[in-house]
Amino acid sequence: MSDAAQANAPVFAIQRMYLKDLSLELPNAPQIFLEQAAPSVEVQLDVGNSVLADGVHEVTVRVTVTTKINDKIAFLIEATQGGIFELRNIPADQMPLLLNVVCPNISYPYLRSNVADAVQRTGFPPMHLAEINFEALYQQKLAAEAQQQNGSGIVLPGARH
């Protein structure tokens, strides 16, 4: 391969994975450990990205887990896993898929491990976040954005198209 061809070859490289943020609260400890009811768990997930330098992007996966027992918070954990990725000479139409699907798929197992470790240290039974289909999540986000841009999507009776 010539030097010119190598210079224009696509580059996808992981530069670094890191735990960007971790917050854990047990606001009702130690009394919450005496509760016998089964806990309810709510999980919120978000993916973000930003440009750090030319061809270098930070991709973050953030999760908030709220666990309640009888309407009392047992624990609340917020964690953000960051990854720095080198993405060069990638066609523009492929960048959103890389930033919103491929990179989060690489980062998420690290986030799952960090959350599981933190929860285990609370004294509660281990909790493992479910696998996530980031492609489906990204398609839902695109559909929601399209619906917002096109209005509510509600057609009133008698309305003309």
Protein backbone atom coordinates (compact mmCIF):
# COMPACT_ATOMS: atom_id res chain seq x y z
CA MET A 1 0.00 0.00 0.00
CA SER A 2 1.38 3.41 -0.89
CA ASP A 3 2.01 6.10 1.72
CA ALA A 4 -0.84 8.18 0.27
CA ALA A 5 -3.26 5.25 0.55
CA GLN A 6 -2.15 4.56 4.13
CA ALA A 7 -2.59 8.22 5.04
CA ASN A 8 -6.22 8.08 3.87
CA ALA A 9 -7.03 4.65 5.31
CA PRO A 10 -9.84 4.58 7.89
CA VAL A 11 -8.65 4.50 11.50
CA PHE A 12 -10.68 3.21 14.45
CA ALA A 13 -8.66 2.87 17.64
CA ILE A 14 -9.42 2.80 21.36
CA GLN A 15 -7.13 5.27 23.11
CA ARG A 16 -8.41 4.86 26.68
CA MET A 17 -11.29 3.54 28.79
CA TYR A 18 -11.94 5.19 32.14
CA LEU A 19 -14.51 5.58 34.89
CA LYS A 20 -15.43 9.25 34.53
CA ASP A 21 -17.90 9.53 37.38
CA LEU A 22 -19.28 7.32 40.14
CA SER A 23 -21.74 8.33 42.83
CA LEU A 24 -23.33 5.93 45.28
CA GLU A 25 -25.82 6.83 48.00
CA LEU A 26 -27.58 4.74 50.63
CA PRO A 27 -29.80 7.46 52.17
CA ASN A 28 -31.80 5.08 54.36
CA ALA A 29 -28.97 2.92 55.70
CA PRO A 30 -28.79 1.13 58.06
CA GLN A 31 -32.59 0.82 58.55
CA ILE A 32 -33.12 -0.21 54.91
CA PHE A 33 -31.24 -3.46 55.57
CA LEU A 34 -34.06 -4.53 57.92
CA GLU A 35 -36.71 -4.34 55.16
CA GLN A 36 -37.91 -7.73 53.89
CA ALA A 37 -39.81 -6.73 50.73
CA ALA A 38 -38.43 -7.27 47.25
CA PRO A 39 -36.75 -4.22 45.76
CA SER A 40 -37.86 -2.38 42.64
CA VAL A 41 -35.17 -1.18 40.26
CA GLU A 42 -35.33 1.70 37.79
CA VAL A 43 -32.52 2.14 35.25
CA GLN A 44 -31.94 5.18 33.05
CA LEU A 45 -29.25 5.12 30.36
CA ASP A 46 -27.79 7.85 28.20
CA VAL A 47 -25.06 7.97 25.56
CA GLY A 48 -23.07 11.10 24.76
CA ASN A 49 -20.09 12.09 22.70
CA SER A 50 -17.86 15.08 22.08
CA VAL A 51 -14.88 15.98 19.94
CA LEU A 52 -11.64 16.24 21.95
CA ALA A 53 -9.32 17.00 19.04
CA ASP A 54 -9.24 16.44 15.31
CA GLY A 55 -10.15 12.77 14.84
CA VAL A 56 -10.35 12.09 18.59
CA HIS A 57 -13.72 11.65 20.31
CA GLU A 58 -14.89 11.00 23.85
CA VAL A 59 -17.90 8.70 24.07
CA THR A 60 -19.69 8.34 27.40
CA VAL A 61 -22.29 5.89 28.63
CA ARG A 62 -24.12 7.11 31.74
CA VAL A 63 -26.43 5.06 33.91
CA THR A 64 -28.59 5.96 36.89
CA VAL A 65 -29.94 3.07 38.96
CA THR A 66 -32.53 3.78 41.64
CA THR A 67 -33.42 0.83 43.86
CA LYS A 68 -36.35 1.15 46.25
CA ILE A 69 -37.82 -1.08 48.93
CA ASN A 70 -41.33 -0.10 50.05
CA ASP A 71 -40.96 3.37 48.47
CA LYS A 72 -37.73 4.02 50.38
CA ILE A 73 -34.54 4.42 48.40
CA ALA A 74 -32.25 1.50 49.17
CA PHE A 75 -29.46 2.82 46.98
CA LEU A 76 -28.94 5.25 44.16
CA ILE A 77 -25.96 4.86 41.88
CA GLU A 78 -24.90 7.11 39.02
CA ALA A 79 -21.94 6.11 36.89
CA THR A 80 -20.39 7.38 33.68
CA GLN A 81 -17.94 5.31 31.70
CA GLY A 82 -15.79 7.25 29.28
CA GLY A 83 -13.85 6.11 26.29
CA ILE A 84 -11.48 8.02 24.05
CA PHE A 85 -11.57 6.82 20.46
CA GLU A 86 -9.50 7.79 17.46
CA LEU A 87 -11.75 7.98 14.40
CA ARG A 88 -10.02 9.21 11.26
CA ASN A 89 -10.92 9.07 7.58
CA ILE A 90 -14.34 7.62 8.39
CA PRO A 91 -17.14 8.56 5.96
CA ALA A 92 -19.42 11.18 7.56
CA ASP A 93 -22.52 9.01 7.15
CA GLN A 94 -20.88 6.26 9.26
CA MET A 95 -19.79 8.50 12.17
CA PRO A 96 -23.17 8.59 13.98
CA LEU A 97 -23.33 4.79 13.98
CA LEU A 98 -19.79 4.51 15.35
CA LEU A 99 -20.35 7.17 18.04
CA ASN A 100 -23.79 5.97 19.14
CA VAL A 101 -23.59 2.20 18.66
CA VAL A 102 -20.09 0.77 18.19
CA CYS A 103 -18.24 2.85 20.81
CA PRO A 104 -20.95 2.45 23.50
CA ASN A 105 -20.92 -1.31 22.84
CA ILE A 106 -17.22 -1.29 23.68
CA SER A 107 -17.58 0.93 26.78
CA TYR A 108 -20.70 -0.64 28.31
CA PRO A 109 -19.10 -3.84 29.67
CA TYR A 110 -16.68 -1.68 31.67
CA LEU A 111 -19.63 0.32 33.06
CA ARG A 112 -21.51 -2.88 33.96
CA SER A 113 -18.49 -4.17 35.84
CA ASN A 114 -17.96 -0.92 37.74
CA VAL A 115 -21.63 -0.72 38.76
CA ALA A 116 -21.71 -4.37 39.86
CA ASP A 117 -18.56 -3.85 41.94
CA ALA A 118 -19.94 -0.70 43.60
CA VAL A 119 -23.30 -2.33 44.44
CA GLN A 120 -21.59 -5.39 45.90
CA ARG A 121 -19.65 -3.12 48.26
CA THR A 122 -22.90 -1.70 49.69
CA GLY A 123 -23.85 -4.96 51.38
CA PHE A 124 -26.78 -5.54 49.01
CA PRO A 125 -26.85 -8.62 46.79
CA PRO A 126 -24.95 -8.27 43.52
CA MET A 127 -26.77 -6.48 40.72
CA HIS A 128 -25.83 -6.82 37.08
CA LEU A 129 -27.12 -4.43 34.47
CA ALA A 130 -28.81 -6.09 31.51
CA GLU A 131 -27.20 -6.20 28.11
CA ILE A 132 -28.17 -3.24 25.94
CA ASN A 133 -28.86 -3.21 22.21
CA PHE A 134 -27.32 0.18 21.44
CA GLU A 135 -28.41 -0.01 17.80
CA ALA A 136 -32.07 -0.33 18.83
CA LEU A 137 -31.60 2.46 21.38
CA TYR A 138 -30.08 4.71 18.70
CA GLN A 139 -32.92 3.93 16.25
CA GLN A 140 -35.47 4.85 18.97
CA LYS A 141 -33.62 8.13 19.56
CA LEU A 142 -33.67 8.93 15.83
CA ALA A 143 -37.38 8.11 15.61
CA ALA A 144 -38.16 10.33 18.62
CA GLU A 145 -36.15 13.20 17.11
CA ALA A 146 -37.92 12.79 13.75
CA GLN A 147 -41.30 12.82 15.46
CA GLN A 148 -40.38 16.02 17.34
CA GLN A 149 -39.27 17.71 14.12
CA ASN A 150 -42.46 16.67 12.32
CA GLY A 151 -44.75 17.73 15.13
CA SER A 152 -46.61 15.47 17.48
CA GLY A 153 -47.61 13.01 14.80
CA ILE A 154 -51.26 13.41 15.84
CA VAL A 155 -53.70 13.89 12.98
CA LEU A 156 -56.86 15.72 13.95
CA PRO A 157 -60.18 14.56 12.49
CA GLY A 158 -60.96 16.46 9.32
CA ALA A 159 -57.33 17.56 8.87
CA ARG A 160 -56.00 17.52 5.34
CA HIS A 161 -52.59 16.23 4.32
